[in-house]
């Protein structure tokens, strides 16, 4: 499981470099160029945080390492954000994340597996007949997608 390293927002006015700073106030994060506000986002909005900090880097206002240090996030996650901005633009941060779907258990394969289980075969035997790993069958039983014959 991937652990997300969240940014740390200090409540006081914090400088990222001599020109760019941010301030946390009322659940929002405000970014400033000298004293002029330039961006803001909700404290919990990780996509906007990544987009804004990447935009600051690409525009030449801050360096990647300064963003990583200022917010307590990993340097590589900052680099990934910059790469995403350059390759996909702003849309890359706000599009719906695609999740991988079940590749093995199509409705047809689930039906065949359930028929074999209903005939009294073990998960190992079902796996061999369908060219699947026995643990895949056992996991489907644990998840409730398949049921053993009683």
C-alpha atoms as a PDB file:
ATOM      1  CA  UNK A   1       0.000   0.000   0.000  1.00  0.00           C
ATOM      2  CA  UNK A   2       1.324   3.414  -0.963  1.00  0.00           C
ATOM      3  CA  UNK A   3       1.501   5.964   1.823  1.00  0.00           C
ATOM      4  CA  UNK A   4       0.839   9.561   0.834  1.00  0.00           C
ATOM      5  CA  UNK A   5       3.088  12.100   2.487  1.00  0.00           C
ATOM      6  CA  UNK A   6       0.861  15.078   3.178  1.00  0.00           C
ATOM      7  CA  UNK A   7       2.143  18.658   3.238  1.00  0.00           C
ATOM      8  CA  UNK A   8       2.665  20.337   6.578  1.00  0.00           C
ATOM      9  CA  UNK A   9       1.123  23.808   6.668  1.00  0.00           C
ATOM     10  CA  UNK A  10       2.425  26.040   9.432  1.00  0.00           C
ATOM     11  CA  UNK A  11      -0.221  28.436  10.832  1.00  0.00           C
ATOM     12  CA  UNK A  12       2.065  31.478  10.614  1.00  0.00           C
ATOM     13  CA  UNK A  13       3.359  33.235   7.502  1.00  0.00           C
ATOM     14  CA  UNK A  14       6.101  30.950   6.144  1.00  0.00           C
ATOM     15  CA  UNK A  15       8.615  31.783   3.446  1.00  0.00           C
ATOM     16  CA  UNK A  16       9.428  29.215   0.767  1.00  0.00           C
ATOM     17  CA  UNK A  17      12.101  31.569  -0.575  1.00  0.00           C
ATOM     18  CA  UNK A  18      12.691  35.350  -0.424  1.00  0.00           C
ATOM     19  CA  UNK A  19       9.788  36.126  -2.773  1.00  0.00           C
ATOM     20  CA  UNK A  20       7.209  33.354  -2.239  1.00  0.00           C
ATOM     21  CA  UNK A  21       5.474  32.562   1.026  1.00  0.00           C
ATOM     22  CA  UNK A  22       2.289  30.947   2.262  1.00  0.00           C
ATOM     23  CA  UNK A  23      -0.059  31.329   5.186  1.00  0.00           C
ATOM     24  CA  UNK A  24      -2.660  28.991   6.660  1.00  0.00           C
ATOM     25  CA  UNK A  25      -5.825  30.771   7.753  1.00  0.00           C
ATOM     26  CA  UNK A  26      -9.307  29.417   8.391  1.00  0.00           C
ATOM     27  CA  UNK A  27      -8.736  26.061   6.715  1.00  0.00           C
ATOM     28  CA  UNK A  28      -7.335  27.659   3.561  1.00  0.00           C
ATOM     29  CA  UNK A  29      -3.775  28.072   2.335  1.00  0.00           C
ATOM     30  CA  UNK A  30      -2.843  31.384   0.732  1.00  0.00           C
ATOM     31  CA  UNK A  31       0.291  31.847  -1.382  1.00  0.00           C
ATOM     32  CA  UNK A  32       1.957  35.247  -1.719  1.00  0.00           C
ATOM     33  CA  UNK A  33       4.466  36.805  -4.087  1.00  0.00           C
ATOM     34  CA  UNK A  34       6.021  39.356  -1.748  1.00  0.00           C
ATOM     35  CA  UNK A  35       2.790  40.737  -0.223  1.00  0.00           C
ATOM     36  CA  UNK A  36       0.455  40.083  -3.159  1.00  0.00           C
ATOM     37  CA  UNK A  37      -1.767  36.983  -2.915  1.00  0.00           C
ATOM     38  CA  UNK A  38      -1.378  34.748  -5.981  1.00  0.00           C
ATOM     39  CA  UNK A  39      -3.048  31.385  -5.209  1.00  0.00           C
ATOM     40  CA  UNK A  40      -5.231  29.755  -2.583  1.00  0.00           C
ATOM     41  CA  UNK A  41      -6.734  26.334  -1.905  1.00  0.00           C
ATOM     42  CA  UNK A  42      -8.436  24.407   0.885  1.00  0.00           C
ATOM     43  CA  UNK A  43      -6.056  22.834   3.366  1.00  0.00           C
ATOM     44  CA  UNK A  44      -7.279  19.319   2.489  1.00  0.00           C
ATOM     45  CA  UNK A  45      -7.084  19.813  -1.300  1.00  0.00           C
ATOM     46  CA  UNK A  46      -3.994  17.807  -2.205  1.00  0.00           C
ATOM     47  CA  UNK A  47      -4.535  18.102  -5.972  1.00  0.00           C
ATOM     48  CA  UNK A  48      -4.563  21.906  -5.816  1.00  0.00           C
ATOM     49  CA  UNK A  49      -1.489  21.894  -3.569  1.00  0.00           C
ATOM     50  CA  UNK A  50       0.408  19.768  -6.085  1.00  0.00           C
ATOM     51  CA  UNK A  51      -0.754  21.899  -9.013  1.00  0.00           C
ATOM     52  CA  UNK A  52       0.091  25.234  -7.371  1.00  0.00           C
ATOM     53  CA  UNK A  53       3.523  24.199  -6.127  1.00  0.00           C
ATOM     54  CA  UNK A  54       4.339  22.674  -9.525  1.00  0.00           C
ATOM     55  CA  UNK A  55       3.202  25.879 -11.225  1.00  0.00           C
ATOM     56  CA  UNK A  56       5.489  27.918  -8.956  1.00  0.00           C
ATOM     57  CA  UNK A  57       8.411  25.693  -9.905  1.00  0.00           C
ATOM     58  CA  UNK A  58       7.743  25.627 -13.660  1.00  0.00           C
ATOM     59  CA  UNK A  59       7.343  29.403 -13.741  1.00  0.00           C
ATOM     60  CA  UNK A  60      10.782  29.736 -12.149  1.00  0.00           C
ATOM     61  CA  UNK A  61       9.638  31.283  -8.863  1.00  0.00           C
ATOM     62  CA  UNK A  62      10.880  28.507  -6.550  1.00  0.00           C
ATOM     63  CA  UNK A  63      13.124  25.470  -6.703  1.00  0.00           C
ATOM     64  CA  UNK A  64      11.855  21.930  -6.177  1.00  0.00           C
ATOM     65  CA  UNK A  65      14.010  21.364  -3.100  1.00  0.00           C
ATOM     66  CA  UNK A  66      12.639  24.520  -1.400  1.00  0.00           C
ATOM     67  CA  UNK A  67       9.056  23.271  -1.857  1.00  0.00           C
ATOM     68  CA  UNK A  68       9.987  19.864  -0.433  1.00  0.00           C
ATOM     69  CA  UNK A  69      11.675  21.475   2.576  1.00  0.00           C
ATOM     70  CA  UNK A  70       8.984  24.109   3.206  1.00  0.00           C
ATOM     71  CA  UNK A  71       6.093  21.618   3.270  1.00  0.00           C
ATOM     72  CA  UNK A  72       7.836  18.494   4.567  1.00  0.00           C
ATOM     73  CA  UNK A  73       7.024  16.419   1.474  1.00  0.00           C
ATOM     74  CA  UNK A  74       9.424  14.167  -0.397  1.00  0.00           C
ATOM     75  CA  UNK A  75      11.555  15.644  -3.130  1.00  0.00           C
ATOM     76  CA  UNK A  76      10.514  12.903  -5.554  1.00  0.00           C
ATOM     77  CA  UNK A  77       6.797  13.694  -5.082  1.00  0.00           C
ATOM     78  CA  UNK A  78       7.524  17.329  -5.965  1.00  0.00           C
ATOM     79  CA  UNK A  79       9.432  16.211  -9.080  1.00  0.00           C
ATOM     80  CA  UNK A  80       6.500  13.969 -10.079  1.00  0.00           C
ATOM     81  CA  UNK A  81       4.124  16.917  -9.791  1.00  0.00           C
ATOM     82  CA  UNK A  82       6.333  19.046 -12.036  1.00  0.00           C
ATOM     83  CA  UNK A  83       6.570  16.229 -14.568  1.00  0.00           C
ATOM     84  CA  UNK A  84       2.771  15.825 -14.546  1.00  0.00           C
ATOM     85  CA  UNK A  85       2.268  19.566 -15.120  1.00  0.00           C
ATOM     86  CA  UNK A  86       4.690  19.592 -18.042  1.00  0.00           C
ATOM     87  CA  UNK A  87       3.212  16.483 -19.657  1.00  0.00           C
ATOM     88  CA  UNK A  88      -0.516  16.814 -18.937  1.00  0.00           C
ATOM     89  CA  UNK A  89      -1.068  20.433 -17.935  1.00  0.00           C
ATOM     90  CA  UNK A  90      -3.439  21.470 -15.165  1.00  0.00           C
ATOM     91  CA  UNK A  91      -5.959  18.792 -16.164  1.00  0.00           C
ATOM     92  CA  UNK A  92      -3.521  16.107 -15.028  1.00  0.00           C
ATOM     93  CA  UNK A  93      -4.023  17.091 -11.396  1.00  0.00           C
ATOM     94  CA  UNK A  94      -7.803  17.161 -11.423  1.00  0.00           C
ATOM     95  CA  UNK A  95      -8.872  14.290 -13.671  1.00  0.00           C
ATOM     96  CA  UNK A  96     -10.462  11.225 -12.121  1.00  0.00           C
ATOM     97  CA  UNK A  97      -7.875   8.615 -11.180  1.00  0.00           C
ATOM     98  CA  UNK A  98      -8.247   5.452 -13.220  1.00  0.00           C
ATOM     99  CA  UNK A  99      -8.318   2.296 -11.153  1.00  0.00           C
ATOM    100  CA  UNK A 100      -7.481  -1.074 -12.520  1.00  0.00           C
ATOM    101  CA  UNK A 101     -10.485  -3.290 -12.807  1.00  0.00           C
ATOM    102  CA  UNK A 102     -10.648  -7.044 -12.329  1.00  0.00           C
ATOM    103  CA  UNK A 103      -8.740  -8.652 -15.156  1.00  0.00           C
ATOM    104  CA  UNK A 104      -9.097 -12.257 -14.124  1.00  0.00           C
ATOM    105  CA  UNK A 105     -12.667 -12.454 -12.897  1.00  0.00           C
ATOM    106  CA  UNK A 106     -14.858 -11.418 -15.761  1.00  0.00           C
ATOM    107  CA  UNK A 107     -18.531 -12.331 -15.263  1.00  0.00           C
ATOM    108  CA  UNK A 108     -17.985 -15.368 -17.497  1.00  0.00           C
ATOM    109  CA  UNK A 109     -15.029 -16.669 -15.439  1.00  0.00           C
ATOM    110  CA  UNK A 110     -16.885 -16.018 -12.174  1.00  0.00           C
ATOM    111  CA  UNK A 111     -19.814 -18.073 -13.453  1.00  0.00           C
ATOM    112  CA  UNK A 112     -17.561 -20.976 -14.464  1.00  0.00           C
ATOM    113  CA  UNK A 113     -15.746 -20.875 -11.121  1.00  0.00           C
ATOM    114  CA  UNK A 114     -19.004 -20.844  -9.170  1.00  0.00           C
ATOM    115  CA  UNK A 115     -20.328 -23.820 -11.199  1.00  0.00           C
ATOM    116  CA  UNK A 116     -17.185 -25.802 -10.389  1.00  0.00           C
ATOM    117  CA  UNK A 117     -17.413 -24.884  -6.693  1.00  0.00           C
ATOM    118  CA  UNK A 118     -21.088 -25.917  -6.711  1.00  0.00           C
ATOM    119  CA  UNK A 119     -20.007 -29.321  -8.054  1.00  0.00           C
ATOM    120  CA  UNK A 120     -17.846 -29.759  -4.940  1.00  0.00           C
ATOM    121  CA  UNK A 121     -14.400 -28.978  -6.324  1.00  0.00           C
ATOM    122  CA  UNK A 122     -11.833 -27.364  -4.034  1.00  0.00           C
ATOM    123  CA  UNK A 123     -10.413 -23.895  -4.772  1.00  0.00           C
ATOM    124  CA  UNK A 124      -7.175 -25.559  -5.871  1.00  0.00           C
ATOM    125  CA  UNK A 125      -9.001 -27.811  -8.336  1.00  0.00           C
ATOM    126  CA  UNK A 126     -11.067 -24.891  -9.663  1.00  0.00           C
ATOM    127  CA  UNK A 127      -7.874 -22.883 -10.137  1.00  0.00           C
ATOM    128  CA  UNK A 128      -6.248 -25.683 -12.132  1.00  0.00           C
ATOM    129  CA  UNK A 129      -9.303 -26.139 -14.376  1.00  0.00           C
ATOM    130  CA  UNK A 130      -9.563 -22.404 -15.101  1.00  0.00           C
ATOM    131  CA  UNK A 131      -5.799 -21.797 -15.225  1.00  0.00           C
ATOM    132  CA  UNK A 132      -5.949 -19.491 -12.187  1.00  0.00           C
ATOM    133  CA  UNK A 133      -3.971 -19.462  -8.975  1.00  0.00           C
ATOM    134  CA  UNK A 134      -5.743 -21.201  -6.091  1.00  0.00           C
ATOM    135  CA  UNK A 135      -5.194 -18.106  -3.938  1.00  0.00           C
ATOM    136  CA  UNK A 136      -7.158 -16.061  -6.480  1.00  0.00           C
ATOM    137  CA  UNK A 137     -10.133 -18.385  -5.988  1.00  0.00           C
ATOM    138  CA  UNK A 138      -9.738 -18.308  -2.184  1.00  0.00           C
ATOM    139  CA  UNK A 139      -9.595 -14.518  -2.169  1.00  0.00           C
ATOM    140  CA  UNK A 140     -12.796 -14.339  -4.247  1.00  0.00           C
ATOM    141  CA  UNK A 141     -14.459 -16.634  -1.703  1.00  0.00           C
ATOM    142  CA  UNK A 142     -13.269 -14.448   1.196  1.00  0.00           C
ATOM    143  CA  UNK A 143     -14.507 -11.314  -0.609  1.00  0.00           C
ATOM    144  CA  UNK A 144     -17.924 -12.893  -1.177  1.00  0.00           C
ATOM    145  CA  UNK A 145     -17.690 -12.965  -4.974  1.00  0.00           C
ATOM    146  CA  UNK A 146     -17.710 -16.768  -4.896  1.00  0.00           C
ATOM    147  CA  UNK A 147     -19.274 -19.233  -2.436  1.00  0.00           C
ATOM    148  CA  UNK A 148     -18.169 -22.725  -1.452  1.00  0.00           C
ATOM    149  CA  UNK A 149     -20.666 -25.535  -1.676  1.00  0.00           C
ATOM    150  CA  UNK A 150     -22.079 -26.304   1.756  1.00  0.00           C
END
